[in-house]
Structure formats: structure tokens, C-alpha cells
Amino acid sequence: MQIWTTGVASPRGIMRVAPQLEDAGWDGLVVVDSQNLSGDPYVSLAMAATVTKRIGLGTGVTNSVTRAAAVTAASIESVQRVSGGRAVLGIGRGDSALAHLGRAPARVAQFETYIKHLQAYLSGRPVPFGEIDYPDDVAPPIAELGLAGEPEASHISWITGERKVPVEVAASGPRVIAVGARHADRLMFTLGADPERIAWGIAQARAARKTAGLDPDSITFGAYVNCAPHPDITIARDMARGGVTTFARFSVMQGAAAAGPVSQETDSVMQTMRDSYDMRAHTRADSDQANVLTSAFIDQFAIVGDPDDCVRRLRDLAALGLDKIIISGGRRGANQEDAATVQTLLEKEVLPNIPR
């Protein structure tokens, strides 16, 4: 199983961080795409590629709204070329990137069309102009120019599909799981670390592929997991708290009850956390939303505690059929000395004990 980690899209900072993560044994690094909060992810990943040799590099995650699909495809393919084939395109419906533009996550239908277009571009195939939805009052059809010749479709001529960039869809609800199951190369669950919920997600995906006439065995699965090893369970919980708010919110962000197997008590905590969520304190461990999380909720949703217990729970997830886990920190607003201890334990006592 691959074990990746998350980072900030800082074009200069990543040149220091990426080699350290590679030397520490991580399989890959993803950076956020949130233009109002951090730098450009593709510039950052390209810079990281120049100072590393092995580590995978990806977005964790981009979205289907802030860039045209052709632009996203060209950007990640550029990282693919610079890195010698180590790029991965992680994508979701959008969260902080859209919130800071005054928008909610993309609608599912738009998201599915976007993924289809991405896969076409990255495979070297054209996308019909009629499928690209630009309002006429923004940019009218090219036919209005009366050119002597014009492209017949949208095709990125320099992308051939050789060593195609994998597309990974981050998903928590049944509809987005189904979209990912139909179109992604890997489905990355954002359901927490509860094996029952991960197993539910896998079953949902396999059923969606079967309904679409696709082989249920021809897609791979992974998950974003909050993990904080520390011998003091209270400190471990506090180190995971900020990241847990971010990922737990995805299951209830539209206001409905959480999908999948979840107890009434767990759903109640999720709903309270959602109602308390302040995007201005996104990912922070000292936020109002983080303070509503109970110890029991964190213990179930995240992997916290003694390093040996963390290893056992990560292995349990691998046994469900996951071949990739992205460990998310989200330790803003937490004690940084404790955060450094967690990072050391991850790299010295957890990573070496996960079969890969």
C-alpha cells in the first residue's frame, strides 16, 4: 500500500520540504489547490519535481470550477513531463477554493462532465465544442469570427496519452462515489478511518461500475485519513482535530444526514460540527468546529494513539482493498512541538511498518 502525505502549495517552501519527505520514506506528496489561501499547486509540484527523484506528486485536491478542464489537463501533464511520470491529478467538487469565491461545491452533473473531459484530454482524445459550456455573453462561438479555418474540436495536440496521468476522485457521498467509479482511475474515499464506512464506500463503487456495464475489479481504491501517532492519546486527538473537521464535514456539508453506516450519535456530532463551521478557520485545531468533536468521534473517524495501534489500523484498511492512503495532517492551530513529535513518529515508527 502506498502512503502519501499532504502539504502546502508553496513554490519555494516545497523545494525544502519535498526532498525531506522523500528521504523520510513517503511514497508521495499532494498539495492543496486553494488560490486564496496558498500558491499555485502546479508551479509548486513542478518545483518539487526538480529536487526529487522518486516521490509521487499530485493535487490533493483541485476542483472542476476554477479552471477549464483543458487548462487543468495541460497543467498536470506539464508536471508529468517535468517529474518523469510521477504526477497524479486528485480532484473533488471543491471546498475552500470555491468558498473564497463565494460559491458552494460544484454540482454533481457538472463535475461528472468535467471528469469525462479531463480523461479525454489526458488520453489524447478531443472534446467536442458542443460539450464545453461557456455562456455566449462571456465568449461567443468561434464561428462568429468567420475565419477561413478553425479547430473542429478541443484537442490538446501535445498530449498523446502515453504515460497518462492518473485521475483520482475524492468522494464521500453515493452520487460522487458513483461518478468516480464510472470515470476515475482511482477512487479516494473521504469517509474517515472507520472500516465499516470504507467497506460501504467500496461496495457503492463496485455496484455503480456494475450498473454502468464496467468491470468492478478494474478500479483501485484509496482514502484520505487523518492520522496522529502519540503515546498521549489526548495530544494525539488534538493533533488530528483540525484535519478531522475538514474531512468529516464533507459527509454532511449539504445539511442532510451522513450517508453510509453511521450511528445517531456520530451523525449528531457531524451536524453540530457543520453548523459551527467557520471557513475563516478552515483546518484549524483551535477553531469552533474543532471544539465540538468528542473524543469518541475522533477515535472512530481518525487514527490516533500509540504508533503500534496506528500501524494496526492502517493495515486493517489495506486489508479492505485500499492500495493508497493519503495521511492528512491539518495541524494549524495546534501545538507545534507536539506536531513535530507526531511527524517524527509517523516517519520513524509508522511508515517503516506498513507493507508496501
Protein backbone atom coordinates (compact mmCIF):
# COMPACT_ATOMS: atom_id res chain seq x y z
CA MET A 1 0.00 0.00 0.00
CA GLN A 2 1.27 3.46 -0.89
CA ILE A 3 1.41 6.03 1.91
CA TRP A 4 1.31 9.67 0.81
CA THR A 5 1.14 12.89 2.80
CA THR A 6 -0.27 16.38 2.31
CA GLY A 7 1.44 19.74 2.04
CA VAL A 8 1.00 23.40 1.21
CA ALA A 9 1.36 24.73 -2.32
CA SER A 10 4.38 26.94 -1.70
CA PRO A 11 6.66 27.09 -4.75
CA ARG A 12 9.72 27.99 -2.67
CA GLY A 13 8.92 26.11 0.53
CA ILE A 14 8.20 22.88 -1.27
CA MET A 15 11.76 22.74 -2.58
CA ARG A 16 12.89 22.27 1.01
CA VAL A 17 10.02 20.05 2.17
CA ALA A 18 9.73 17.61 -0.75
CA PRO A 19 13.29 16.19 -0.52
CA GLN A 20 12.84 15.76 3.24
CA LEU A 21 9.63 13.79 2.72
CA GLU A 22 11.27 11.67 0.02
CA ASP A 23 14.21 10.87 2.32
CA ALA A 24 11.79 10.02 5.15
CA GLY A 25 10.18 7.28 3.04
CA TRP A 26 6.87 8.78 1.95
CA ASP A 27 5.56 7.45 -1.37
CA GLY A 28 4.04 10.73 -2.46
CA LEU A 29 3.08 14.31 -1.68
CA VAL A 30 -0.14 16.10 -2.58
CA VAL A 31 -0.68 19.84 -2.27
CA VAL A 32 -3.90 21.76 -1.87
CA ASP A 33 -5.43 23.86 -4.64
CA SER A 34 -6.97 26.84 -2.89
CA GLN A 35 -5.95 30.02 -4.67
CA ASN A 36 -6.97 32.43 -1.90
CA LEU A 37 -5.08 30.51 0.78
CA SER A 38 -1.92 29.21 -0.90
CA GLY A 39 0.24 29.36 -4.01
CA ASP A 40 -0.32 27.65 -7.33
CA PRO A 41 -0.26 23.84 -6.96
CA TYR A 42 1.15 23.09 -10.40
CA VAL A 43 4.03 25.52 -10.06
CA SER A 44 4.74 24.02 -6.63
CA LEU A 45 4.63 20.44 -7.90
CA ALA A 46 6.89 21.27 -10.83
CA MET A 47 9.39 22.87 -8.45
CA ALA A 48 9.23 19.79 -6.21
CA ALA A 49 9.91 17.58 -9.23
CA THR A 50 13.19 19.36 -9.86
CA VAL A 51 14.58 18.48 -6.41
CA THR A 52 13.26 14.90 -6.04
CA LYS A 53 13.72 11.63 -7.90
CA ARG A 54 11.19 9.11 -6.60
CA ILE A 55 8.29 10.63 -4.69
CA GLY A 56 4.88 10.91 -6.37
CA LEU A 57 3.45 14.40 -6.83
CA GLY A 58 -0.21 15.36 -7.05
CA THR A 59 -3.06 17.70 -6.26
CA GLY A 60 -4.98 16.99 -3.10
CA VAL A 61 -7.34 18.20 -4.45
CA THR A 62 -8.18 20.51 -7.33
CA ASN A 63 -11.77 21.17 -8.41
CA SER A 64 -13.95 21.34 -11.50
CA VAL A 65 -14.82 25.05 -11.37
CA THR A 66 -11.82 27.36 -11.06
CA ARG A 67 -10.02 26.09 -14.20
CA ALA A 68 -11.22 24.86 -17.57
CA ALA A 69 -10.66 21.12 -17.97
CA ALA A 70 -8.17 21.74 -20.79
CA VAL A 71 -6.16 24.07 -18.53
CA THR A 72 -6.09 21.53 -15.70
CA ALA A 73 -5.04 18.77 -18.09
CA ALA A 74 -2.23 20.90 -19.55
CA SER A 75 -1.05 21.88 -16.06
CA ILE A 76 -0.83 18.37 -14.62
CA GLU A 77 0.65 17.00 -17.86
CA SER A 78 3.37 19.63 -17.54
CA VAL A 79 4.15 18.29 -14.06
CA GLN A 80 4.14 14.78 -15.53
CA ARG A 81 6.81 15.77 -18.07
CA VAL A 82 9.00 17.60 -15.55
CA SER A 83 8.78 14.77 -13.00
CA GLY A 84 9.39 11.92 -15.43
CA GLY A 85 5.96 10.36 -14.95
CA ARG A 86 5.31 10.89 -11.24
CA ALA A 87 2.21 13.12 -11.43
CA VAL A 88 -1.31 12.33 -10.17
CA LEU A 89 -4.41 14.50 -10.59
CA GLY A 90 -6.57 14.45 -7.47
CA ILE A 91 -9.91 16.22 -7.85
CA GLY A 92 -13.08 16.87 -5.89
CA ARG A 93 -16.14 19.11 -6.16
CA GLY A 94 -14.36 21.97 -4.38
CA ASP A 95 -14.36 23.40 -0.88
CA SER A 96 -12.19 26.31 0.30
CA ALA A 97 -11.20 27.29 -3.24
CA LEU A 98 -14.85 27.93 -4.07
CA ALA A 99 -15.84 29.24 -0.64
CA HIS A 100 -13.39 32.12 -1.07
CA LEU A 101 -15.10 32.96 -4.34
CA GLY A 102 -18.48 32.98 -2.63
CA ARG A 103 -19.51 29.62 -4.07
CA ALA A 104 -20.51 26.17 -2.82
CA PRO A 105 -19.11 22.92 -4.30
CA ALA A 106 -19.76 22.13 -7.95
CA ARG A 107 -22.99 20.43 -8.91
CA VAL A 108 -22.58 16.70 -9.46
CA ALA A 109 -23.64 16.79 -13.14
CA GLN A 110 -21.06 19.47 -13.95
CA PHE A 111 -18.43 17.53 -12.01
CA GLU A 112 -19.08 14.33 -13.96
CA THR A 113 -18.86 16.12 -17.32
CA TYR A 114 -15.61 17.74 -16.23
CA ILE A 115 -14.07 14.39 -15.25
CA LYS A 116 -15.05 12.93 -18.63
CA HIS A 117 -13.37 15.85 -20.39
CA LEU A 118 -10.25 15.56 -18.23
CA GLN A 119 -9.90 11.88 -19.05
CA ALA A 120 -10.32 12.63 -22.75
CA TYR A 121 -7.67 15.35 -22.78
CA LEU A 122 -5.20 13.29 -20.72
CA SER A 123 -5.72 10.30 -23.03
CA GLY A 124 -5.01 12.38 -26.15
CA ARG A 125 -8.64 12.46 -27.30
CA PRO A 126 -10.64 15.51 -28.43
CA VAL A 127 -13.61 17.06 -26.63
CA PRO A 128 -16.48 18.32 -28.84
CA PHE A 129 -17.01 22.06 -28.73
CA GLY A 130 -20.70 21.50 -28.05
CA GLU A 131 -19.88 19.89 -24.70
CA ILE A 132 -17.86 22.86 -23.44
CA ASP A 133 -20.20 25.15 -21.58
CA TYR A 134 -19.14 28.79 -21.89
CA PRO A 135 -22.01 31.32 -21.77
CA ASP A 136 -22.31 33.32 -25.00
CA ASP A 137 -22.20 36.59 -23.06
CA VAL A 138 -18.74 35.62 -21.82
CA ALA A 139 -17.26 34.27 -25.05
CA PRO A 140 -19.35 33.74 -28.21
CA PRO A 141 -18.78 30.78 -30.57
CA ILE A 142 -15.66 30.99 -32.74
CA ALA A 143 -17.86 30.63 -35.84
CA GLU A 144 -18.90 34.26 -35.36
CA LEU A 145 -15.39 35.35 -36.40
CA GLY A 146 -15.79 33.97 -39.91
CA LEU A 147 -12.28 32.53 -40.02
CA ALA A 148 -11.00 30.74 -43.12
CA GLY A 149 -10.23 27.74 -40.90
CA GLU A 150 -10.84 26.80 -37.28
CA PRO A 151 -10.38 23.81 -34.94
CA GLU A 152 -13.11 21.20 -35.23
CA ALA A 153 -12.93 20.19 -31.57
CA SER A 154 -10.92 20.91 -28.44
CA HIS A 155 -7.78 18.81 -28.59
CA ILE A 156 -4.50 19.28 -26.69
CA SER A 157 -2.19 18.36 -29.52
CA TRP A 158 0.91 17.82 -27.42
CA ILE A 159 -0.73 15.31 -25.04
CA THR A 160 -0.62 11.84 -26.59
CA GLY A 161 -1.89 9.75 -23.69
CA GLU A 162 1.41 7.96 -23.33
CA ARG A 163 2.16 7.56 -19.61
CA LYS A 164 -1.27 9.02 -18.91
CA VAL A 165 -1.66 10.96 -15.67
CA PRO A 166 -3.96 9.01 -13.29
CA VAL A 167 -7.13 10.82 -12.21
CA GLU A 168 -8.23 10.25 -8.61
CA VAL A 169 -11.69 11.38 -7.49
CA ALA A 170 -12.17 12.29 -3.83
CA ALA A 171 -15.65 11.22 -2.70
CA SER A 172 -17.82 10.73 0.36
CA GLY A 173 -21.46 10.59 -0.81
CA PRO A 174 -23.15 7.97 -3.04
CA ARG A 175 -23.53 10.23 -6.10
CA VAL A 176 -19.90 11.35 -6.23
CA ILE A 177 -18.70 7.84 -5.40
CA ALA A 178 -20.68 6.69 -8.45
CA VAL A 179 -19.12 9.39 -10.64
CA GLY A 180 -15.66 8.36 -9.53
CA ALA A 181 -16.48 4.71 -10.01
CA ARG A 182 -17.50 5.36 -13.62
CA HIS A 183 -14.70 7.68 -14.65
CA ALA A 184 -11.72 7.73 -12.27
CA ASP A 185 -8.56 5.68 -12.30
CA ARG A 186 -8.70 5.53 -8.52
CA LEU A 187 -11.46 6.46 -6.08
CA MET A 188 -10.19 8.19 -2.94
CA PHE A 189 -12.68 8.00 -0.08
CA THR A 190 -13.05 10.87 2.37
CA LEU A 191 -15.07 8.81 4.83
CA GLY A 192 -12.68 8.72 7.76
CA ALA A 193 -10.88 5.65 9.07
CA ASP A 194 -13.86 3.53 10.16
CA PRO A 195 -13.53 0.19 8.28
CA GLU A 196 -17.31 -0.19 8.11
CA ARG A 197 -17.68 3.11 6.26
CA ILE A 198 -14.79 2.36 3.92
CA ALA A 199 -16.28 -1.07 3.14
CA TRP A 200 -19.61 0.65 2.40
CA GLY A 201 -17.88 3.05 0.01
CA ILE A 202 -16.18 0.21 -1.84
CA ALA A 203 -19.49 -1.65 -2.17
CA GLN A 204 -21.15 1.52 -3.50
CA ALA A 205 -18.41 1.97 -6.10
CA ARG A 206 -18.44 -1.63 -7.27
CA ALA A 207 -22.22 -1.55 -7.63
CA ALA A 208 -22.04 1.68 -9.65
CA ARG A 209 -19.47 0.19 -12.01
CA LYS A 210 -21.56 -2.93 -12.49
CA THR A 211 -24.64 -0.82 -13.27
CA ALA A 212 -22.60 1.12 -15.84
CA GLY A 213 -21.51 -2.12 -17.52
CA LEU A 214 -17.92 -1.80 -16.27
CA ASP A 215 -15.71 -4.37 -14.61
CA PRO A 216 -15.98 -3.86 -10.82
CA ASP A 217 -12.42 -5.14 -10.44
CA SER A 218 -10.82 -2.65 -12.84
CA ILE A 219 -10.67 0.34 -10.49
CA THR A 220 -8.48 0.89 -7.46
CA PHE A 221 -9.39 2.42 -4.12
CA GLY A 222 -7.69 4.66 -1.61
CA ALA A 223 -8.59 7.02 1.20
CA TYR A 224 -7.69 10.27 2.86
CA VAL A 225 -7.09 9.50 6.53
CA ASN A 226 -6.29 11.73 9.49
CA CYS A 227 -3.54 10.00 11.47
CA ALA A 228 -1.66 11.26 14.54
CA PRO A 229 0.51 8.81 16.48
CA HIS A 230 1.46 9.87 20.01
CA PRO A 231 1.75 7.95 23.31
CA ASP A 232 -0.50 10.54 24.97
CA ILE A 233 -3.95 9.95 23.48
CA THR A 234 -5.15 13.45 24.42
CA ILE A 235 -2.31 15.03 22.46
CA ALA A 236 -2.90 12.64 19.57
CA ARG A 237 -6.55 13.66 19.39
CA ASP A 238 -5.66 17.34 19.46
CA MET A 239 -3.17 16.85 16.63
CA ALA A 240 -5.87 15.25 14.45
CA ARG A 241 -8.71 17.55 15.49
CA GLY A 242 -8.34 20.26 12.82
CA GLY A 243 -7.96 17.83 9.94
CA VAL A 244 -10.91 15.76 11.14
CA THR A 245 -13.22 18.76 10.93
CA THR A 246 -12.29 19.27 7.28
CA PHE A 247 -12.95 15.70 6.18
CA ALA A 248 -15.89 14.89 8.46
CA ARG A 249 -17.72 17.94 7.14
CA PHE A 250 -17.75 16.52 3.60
CA SER A 251 -20.27 13.88 4.67
CA VAL A 252 -22.80 16.45 5.90
CA MET A 253 -21.89 19.70 4.16
CA GLN A 254 -25.21 19.85 2.26
CA GLY A 255 -27.19 19.54 5.51
CA ALA A 256 -28.52 16.01 5.06
CA ALA A 257 -27.74 13.09 7.36
CA ALA A 258 -24.42 11.41 6.68
CA ALA A 259 -24.65 8.65 4.09
CA GLY A 260 -23.48 5.15 4.84
CA PRO A 261 -23.22 3.34 8.18
CA VAL A 262 -23.17 5.92 10.93
CA SER A 263 -24.64 5.95 14.42
CA GLN A 264 -27.11 8.59 15.54
CA GLU A 265 -24.52 9.91 17.98
CA THR A 266 -21.85 10.20 15.28
CA ASP A 267 -24.24 11.94 12.89
CA SER A 268 -25.24 14.34 15.66
CA VAL A 269 -21.60 15.35 16.19
CA MET A 270 -21.17 15.82 12.43
CA GLN A 271 -24.25 18.04 12.21
CA THR A 272 -23.15 20.15 15.18
CA MET A 273 -19.70 20.50 13.66
CA ARG A 274 -21.23 21.54 10.32
CA ASP A 275 -23.44 24.14 11.99
CA SER A 276 -20.38 25.53 13.80
CA TYR A 277 -18.11 25.54 10.75
CA ASP A 278 -16.30 28.80 10.09
CA MET A 279 -14.41 28.74 6.77
CA ARG A 280 -12.16 31.50 8.07
CA ALA A 281 -10.73 28.92 10.50
CA HIS A 282 -10.58 26.11 7.93
CA THR A 283 -8.44 23.13 9.10
CA ARG A 284 -7.53 24.79 12.40
CA ALA A 285 -7.35 22.69 15.56
CA ASP A 286 -8.33 25.70 17.70
CA SER A 287 -11.49 26.50 15.72
CA ASP A 288 -15.07 26.46 16.99
CA GLN A 289 -15.83 23.49 14.74
CA ALA A 290 -12.89 21.51 16.12
CA ASN A 291 -14.01 22.09 19.69
CA VAL A 292 -17.33 20.29 19.18
CA LEU A 293 -15.64 16.99 18.27
CA THR A 294 -15.86 14.42 21.05
CA SER A 295 -13.04 12.06 21.96
CA ALA A 296 -15.12 9.09 20.81
CA PHE A 297 -15.76 10.73 17.45
CA ILE A 298 -12.08 11.45 16.83
CA ASP A 299 -11.10 7.92 17.88
CA GLN A 300 -13.52 6.49 15.31
CA PHE A 301 -13.05 8.93 12.44
CA ALA A 302 -9.26 9.29 12.70
CA ILE A 303 -6.34 7.02 13.57
CA VAL A 304 -4.82 8.31 16.79
CA GLY A 305 -2.80 6.97 19.71
CA ASP A 306 0.16 4.68 20.16
CA PRO A 307 2.19 4.15 16.94
CA ASP A 308 1.63 0.38 17.09
CA ASP A 309 -2.13 0.91 17.19
CA CYS A 310 -1.86 3.30 14.24
CA VAL A 311 0.04 0.67 12.24
CA ARG A 312 -2.58 -1.96 13.05
CA ARG A 313 -5.47 0.25 11.94
CA LEU A 314 -3.72 1.27 8.72
CA ARG A 315 -3.12 -2.41 7.95
CA ASP A 316 -6.80 -3.10 8.61
CA LEU A 317 -7.71 -0.52 5.96
CA ALA A 318 -5.30 -2.09 3.50
CA ALA A 319 -6.98 -5.46 4.11
CA LEU A 320 -10.29 -3.96 2.89
CA GLY A 321 -8.77 -3.43 -0.54
CA LEU A 322 -7.20 0.02 -0.32
CA ASP A 323 -3.90 0.37 -2.14
CA LYS A 324 -3.23 4.01 -1.25
CA ILE A 325 -3.70 6.18 1.82
CA ILE A 326 -3.02 9.90 1.98
CA ILE A 327 -2.35 10.87 5.57
CA SER A 328 -3.64 14.36 6.19
CA GLY A 329 -2.21 16.46 8.97
CA GLY A 330 -4.24 19.64 9.25
CA ARG A 331 -2.31 20.77 12.36
CA ARG A 332 -2.79 24.50 12.01
CA GLY A 333 -3.64 25.99 15.38
CA ALA A 334 -2.14 23.02 17.25
CA ASN A 335 0.94 22.93 19.48
CA GLN A 336 3.82 22.85 17.01
CA GLU A 337 6.19 20.97 19.31
CA ASP A 338 3.63 18.18 19.61
CA ALA A 339 3.06 18.35 15.84
CA ALA A 340 6.78 17.79 15.27
CA THR A 341 6.66 14.74 17.56
CA VAL A 342 3.73 13.31 15.59
CA GLN A 343 5.62 13.82 12.32
CA THR A 344 8.67 12.04 13.71
CA LEU A 345 6.62 9.10 14.96
CA LEU A 346 4.88 8.82 11.59
CA GLU A 347 8.19 8.64 9.78
CA LYS A 348 10.17 6.55 12.27
CA GLU A 349 7.60 4.14 13.71
CA VAL A 350 4.58 4.03 11.39
CA LEU A 351 5.82 4.23 7.79
CA PRO A 352 8.51 1.53 8.16
CA ASN A 353 5.92 -0.94 9.46
CA ILE A 354 3.37 -0.62 6.65
CA PRO A 355 3.90 -3.27 3.92
CA ARG A 356 4.47 -1.56 0.56
